[in-house]
Amino acid sequence: MSVRQEIEDKLRAAFEPREIVVVDDSASHAGHAGAPAAGESHFNVMLRSAEFKGKNRVSRHRSVHAALGADLISRIHALALDLDV
């Protein structure tokens, strides 16, 4: 399973989003420091979920990191998050 799919699956299970888009942007960062040659390292996530209601930006980000888990987070070099209700 691709890292992109793994991210999407975990976020769907944790947040039951009304909208989710996970984009693998690794090709745009090829050759940059910290970017592995194999790719699957840079991701943009747009997630809309009622689970974020009443949570500030930091709490939302922490929730996503917890849902993805330490193992998956350790395999990602960059994760841009656009989180809203």
Protein backbone atom coordinates (compact mmCIF):
# COMPACT_ATOMS: atom_id res chain seq x y z
CA MET A 1 0.00 0.00 0.00
CA SER A 2 1.27 3.46 -0.83
CA VAL A 3 2.01 5.96 1.92
CA ARG A 4 -0.62 8.27 0.39
CA GLN A 5 -3.26 5.56 0.68
CA GLU A 6 -2.16 4.68 4.19
CA ILE A 7 -2.56 8.34 5.24
CA GLU A 8 -6.01 8.54 3.66
CA ASP A 9 -7.21 5.27 5.18
CA LYS A 10 -6.11 6.21 8.70
CA LEU A 11 -7.63 9.68 8.47
CA ARG A 12 -10.93 8.33 7.11
CA ALA A 13 -11.12 5.85 9.99
CA ALA A 14 -10.28 8.43 12.65
CA PHE A 15 -12.29 11.45 11.48
CA GLU A 16 -15.12 10.25 9.22
CA PRO A 17 -14.46 13.28 7.00
CA ARG A 18 -17.05 14.92 4.80
CA GLU A 19 -14.15 15.80 2.50
CA ILE A 20 -10.58 14.58 2.22
CA VAL A 21 -7.83 15.05 -0.35
CA VAL A 22 -4.35 13.60 0.13
CA VAL A 23 -1.77 14.66 -2.46
CA ASP A 24 1.70 13.12 -2.77
CA ASP A 25 3.83 16.17 -3.60
CA SER A 26 7.14 14.32 -3.33
CA ALA A 27 8.09 14.82 -6.98
CA SER A 28 8.16 18.58 -6.43
CA HIS A 29 10.82 18.09 -3.75
CA ALA A 30 13.07 15.57 -5.48
CA GLY A 31 16.71 16.34 -4.77
CA HIS A 32 16.00 18.53 -1.74
CA ALA A 33 17.72 17.78 1.54
CA GLY A 34 15.80 15.13 3.48
CA ALA A 35 13.79 13.97 0.48
CA PRO A 36 14.40 10.25 -0.12
CA ALA A 37 15.07 9.18 -3.69
CA ALA A 38 12.17 6.73 -3.53
CA GLY A 39 9.68 9.56 -2.94
CA GLU A 40 6.53 9.20 -0.84
CA SER A 41 7.86 11.77 1.61
CA HIS A 42 5.96 15.05 1.07
CA PHE A 43 2.19 15.25 1.41
CA ASN A 44 -0.56 17.86 1.38
CA VAL A 45 -3.75 16.95 3.23
CA MET A 46 -7.06 18.80 3.07
CA LEU A 47 -9.49 17.38 5.62
CA ARG A 48 -12.96 18.56 6.64
CA SER A 49 -14.49 16.86 9.66
CA ALA A 50 -16.99 17.63 12.41
CA GLU A 51 -14.38 16.16 14.79
CA PHE A 52 -12.51 19.48 14.56
CA LYS A 53 -15.40 21.59 15.85
CA GLY A 54 -14.27 23.62 18.85
CA LYS A 55 -10.60 22.64 18.45
CA ASN A 56 -7.90 25.17 17.71
CA ARG A 57 -5.32 24.71 14.95
CA VAL A 58 -2.73 23.09 17.23
CA SER A 59 -5.27 20.60 18.63
CA ARG A 60 -6.38 19.68 15.12
CA HIS A 61 -2.80 19.06 14.02
CA ARG A 62 -2.10 16.98 17.11
CA SER A 63 -5.23 14.92 16.44
CA VAL A 64 -4.07 14.16 12.89
CA HIS A 65 -0.56 13.22 14.03
CA ALA A 66 -2.01 10.91 16.69
CA ALA A 67 -4.34 9.28 14.14
CA LEU A 68 -1.47 8.65 11.74
CA GLY A 69 0.74 7.21 14.48
CA ALA A 70 4.43 7.53 15.20
CA ASP A 71 5.47 4.84 12.70
CA LEU A 72 3.80 6.52 9.74
CA ILE A 73 4.80 10.04 10.82
CA SER A 74 8.44 8.90 11.01
CA ARG A 75 8.31 7.94 7.30
CA ILE A 76 7.03 11.35 6.20
CA HIS A 77 9.45 14.24 5.70
CA ALA A 78 6.82 16.98 5.25
CA LEU A 79 3.10 17.05 5.96
CA ALA A 80 1.09 20.17 5.09
CA LEU A 81 -2.32 20.19 6.77
CA ASP A 82 -5.42 22.18 5.83
CA LEU A 83 -7.93 21.21 8.54
CA ASP A 84 -11.43 22.59 9.10
CA VAL A 85 -14.94 21.65 10.16
